[in-house]
Amino acid sequence: MVQEEKEEVRSPSGVDGWLEPRDTTQGVAKEVEDGKTMAILSHASLLFGIPIFIVPMITRDNRFALHHAKAAAVTFTLFFITAMLTMVSCGVFFPLLLLCYIPALVGIVQAANGQLAGPWGMGNAGESVLRGLKVPIQKLPKHARHQLEHHEV
């Protein structure tokens, strides 16, 4: 018996096909610019100790901010788990606790530059773990709806 692999339908590039690193279309640039503040604040959640990344996850109105919120959620969770291990082990895991700040700082820099979080900003992990969390089609900008309509199989 031959098993058929179900091919995942995705748009041609980027996270859900919406952003290429060199994509300079006006619609994508506006969406990135509109989402920069929440993307930066999402990663800064770890520095403030307040889970600000929850806001883009609830509103789900900007794909760029949502991508960075997913990455920040993974980093925040990793930090929380490491903090618990540090307390239980009387400080043995403290160096690992400090390492959790690296993905947050990388994510802040990437968001400020209008780029995806990338693996060092925990973007790949965030997209894998929270892949079901997407911006509803009704909240997408017109250019994005048009792009999805022409690339779906």
Protein backbone atom coordinates (compact mmCIF):
# COMPACT_ATOMS: atom_id res chain seq x y z
CA MET A 1 0.00 0.00 0.00
CA VAL A 2 1.43 3.35 -1.04
CA GLN A 3 0.76 6.24 1.28
CA GLU A 4 0.21 9.59 -0.31
CA GLU A 5 1.80 12.47 1.46
CA LYS A 6 -0.63 15.29 1.87
CA GLU A 7 1.03 18.39 0.55
CA GLU A 8 0.47 21.46 2.66
CA VAL A 9 -1.01 24.31 0.67
CA ARG A 10 1.03 27.42 1.31
CA SER A 11 1.59 30.62 -0.50
CA PRO A 12 4.86 30.92 -2.36
CA SER A 13 7.15 32.58 0.21
CA GLY A 14 7.74 33.71 3.76
CA VAL A 15 5.45 33.03 6.72
CA ASP A 16 2.22 31.84 5.14
CA GLY A 17 3.66 33.25 1.93
CA TRP A 18 3.27 36.88 2.78
CA LEU A 19 6.73 38.29 3.25
CA GLU A 20 9.94 37.81 1.41
CA PRO A 21 13.03 39.51 2.81
CA ARG A 22 13.27 41.64 -0.32
CA ASP A 23 9.54 42.17 -0.82
CA THR A 24 9.10 45.89 -1.37
CA THR A 25 5.48 45.99 -2.44
CA GLN A 26 3.64 48.91 -0.96
CA GLY A 27 1.03 46.78 0.81
CA VAL A 28 3.54 44.52 2.54
CA ALA A 29 5.73 47.48 3.50
CA LYS A 30 2.72 49.21 5.07
CA GLU A 31 1.71 46.07 6.95
CA VAL A 32 5.26 45.66 8.30
CA GLU A 33 5.43 49.33 9.27
CA ASP A 34 2.04 49.14 11.02
CA GLY A 35 3.10 46.05 12.98
CA LYS A 36 6.60 47.13 14.01
CA THR A 37 5.62 48.68 17.33
CA MET A 38 3.69 45.65 18.56
CA ALA A 39 6.39 43.33 17.24
CA ILE A 40 9.08 45.16 19.21
CA LEU A 41 6.92 45.32 22.34
CA SER A 42 6.17 41.60 22.02
CA HIS A 43 9.85 40.75 22.29
CA ALA A 44 10.39 43.38 24.99
CA SER A 45 7.84 41.45 27.08
CA LEU A 46 10.69 39.39 28.44
CA LEU A 47 12.57 42.50 29.52
CA PHE A 48 9.47 44.00 31.20
CA GLY A 49 8.20 40.74 32.67
CA ILE A 50 4.71 41.46 31.30
CA PRO A 51 3.34 39.24 28.50
CA ILE A 52 2.58 42.06 26.04
CA PHE A 53 2.80 39.53 23.18
CA ILE A 54 -0.72 38.40 24.07
CA VAL A 55 -2.21 41.58 22.55
CA PRO A 56 -1.33 40.73 18.90
CA MET A 57 -2.41 37.14 19.53
CA ILE A 58 -5.86 38.31 20.62
CA THR A 59 -6.37 41.04 18.02
CA ARG A 60 -4.81 39.08 15.11
CA ASP A 61 -5.00 42.03 12.75
CA ASN A 62 -1.40 42.23 11.53
CA ARG A 63 0.62 39.27 10.25
CA PHE A 64 3.99 40.84 11.02
CA ALA A 65 3.06 41.59 14.64
CA LEU A 66 1.49 38.15 15.03
CA HIS A 67 4.63 36.42 13.74
CA HIS A 68 6.77 38.26 16.29
CA ALA A 69 4.19 37.65 19.04
CA LYS A 70 4.44 33.90 18.39
CA ALA A 71 8.23 34.09 18.57
CA ALA A 72 8.06 36.13 21.78
CA ALA A 73 5.61 33.66 23.33
CA VAL A 74 8.06 30.80 22.78
CA THR A 75 10.93 32.85 24.24
CA PHE A 76 8.81 33.93 27.22
CA THR A 77 7.76 30.32 27.89
CA LEU A 78 11.36 29.13 27.64
CA PHE A 79 12.39 31.86 30.09
CA PHE A 80 9.60 30.92 32.52
CA ILE A 81 10.50 27.22 32.46
CA THR A 82 14.19 28.04 32.95
CA ALA A 83 13.33 30.38 35.84
CA MET A 84 11.38 27.59 37.54
CA LEU A 85 14.29 25.17 37.05
CA THR A 86 16.66 27.80 38.45
CA MET A 87 14.56 28.21 41.59
CA VAL A 88 14.18 24.47 42.12
CA SER A 89 17.89 23.81 41.57
CA CYS A 90 19.05 26.65 43.84
CA GLY A 91 20.55 28.63 40.99
CA VAL A 92 22.26 25.90 38.97
CA PHE A 93 20.40 26.91 35.79
CA PHE A 94 21.02 30.65 36.24
CA PRO A 95 23.43 30.89 33.26
CA LEU A 96 20.72 29.36 31.03
CA LEU A 97 18.28 31.94 32.37
CA LEU A 98 20.53 34.72 31.09
CA LEU A 99 20.81 33.02 27.68
CA CYS A 100 17.03 33.40 27.26
CA TYR A 101 17.55 37.13 26.74
CA ILE A 102 19.45 36.54 23.48
CA PRO A 103 16.40 35.54 21.38
CA ALA A 104 14.45 38.49 22.83
CA LEU A 105 17.18 40.96 21.85
CA VAL A 106 17.58 39.38 18.40
CA GLY A 107 13.79 39.58 17.93
CA ILE A 108 13.75 43.26 18.89
CA VAL A 109 16.48 44.05 16.35
CA GLN A 110 14.79 41.98 13.61
CA ALA A 111 11.40 43.61 14.27
CA ALA A 112 12.92 47.09 14.24
CA ASN A 113 14.51 46.29 10.87
CA GLY A 114 11.18 45.03 9.46
CA GLN A 115 12.40 41.43 9.16
CA LEU A 116 10.99 38.11 10.35
CA ALA A 117 12.27 36.90 13.73
CA GLY A 118 14.30 34.06 12.22
CA PRO A 119 15.65 31.06 14.11
CA TRP A 120 17.75 33.10 16.57
CA GLY A 121 14.72 35.21 17.43
CA MET A 122 12.71 31.97 17.94
CA GLY A 123 10.52 32.77 14.91
CA ASN A 124 10.76 29.27 13.43
CA ALA A 125 9.83 27.69 16.76
CA GLY A 126 6.97 30.13 17.24
CA GLU A 127 5.54 29.40 13.82
CA SER A 128 5.85 25.65 14.41
CA VAL A 129 4.30 25.60 17.87
CA LEU A 130 1.55 28.15 17.18
CA ARG A 131 0.93 27.39 13.50
CA GLY A 132 -2.86 27.37 13.93
CA LEU A 133 -2.89 31.00 15.06
CA LYS A 134 -3.38 33.16 11.96
CA VAL A 135 -4.87 36.46 10.94
CA PRO A 136 -8.46 35.84 9.73
CA ILE A 137 -8.97 36.48 6.02
CA GLN A 138 -11.46 39.28 6.81
CA LYS A 139 -8.76 41.26 8.65
CA LEU A 140 -6.16 40.93 5.90
CA PRO A 141 -5.35 43.98 3.79
CA LYS A 142 -6.76 43.97 0.24
CA HIS A 143 -3.41 43.17 -1.37
CA ALA A 144 -3.03 40.11 0.88
CA ARG A 145 -6.50 38.78 0.13
CA HIS A 146 -5.80 39.19 -3.58
CA GLN A 147 -2.47 37.39 -3.22
CA LEU A 148 -4.02 34.46 -1.34
CA GLU A 149 -6.84 34.11 -3.86
CA HIS A 150 -4.35 33.79 -6.71
CA HIS A 151 -2.01 31.31 -4.97
CA GLU A 152 -4.42 28.87 -3.32
CA VAL A 153 -4.86 25.52 -5.00
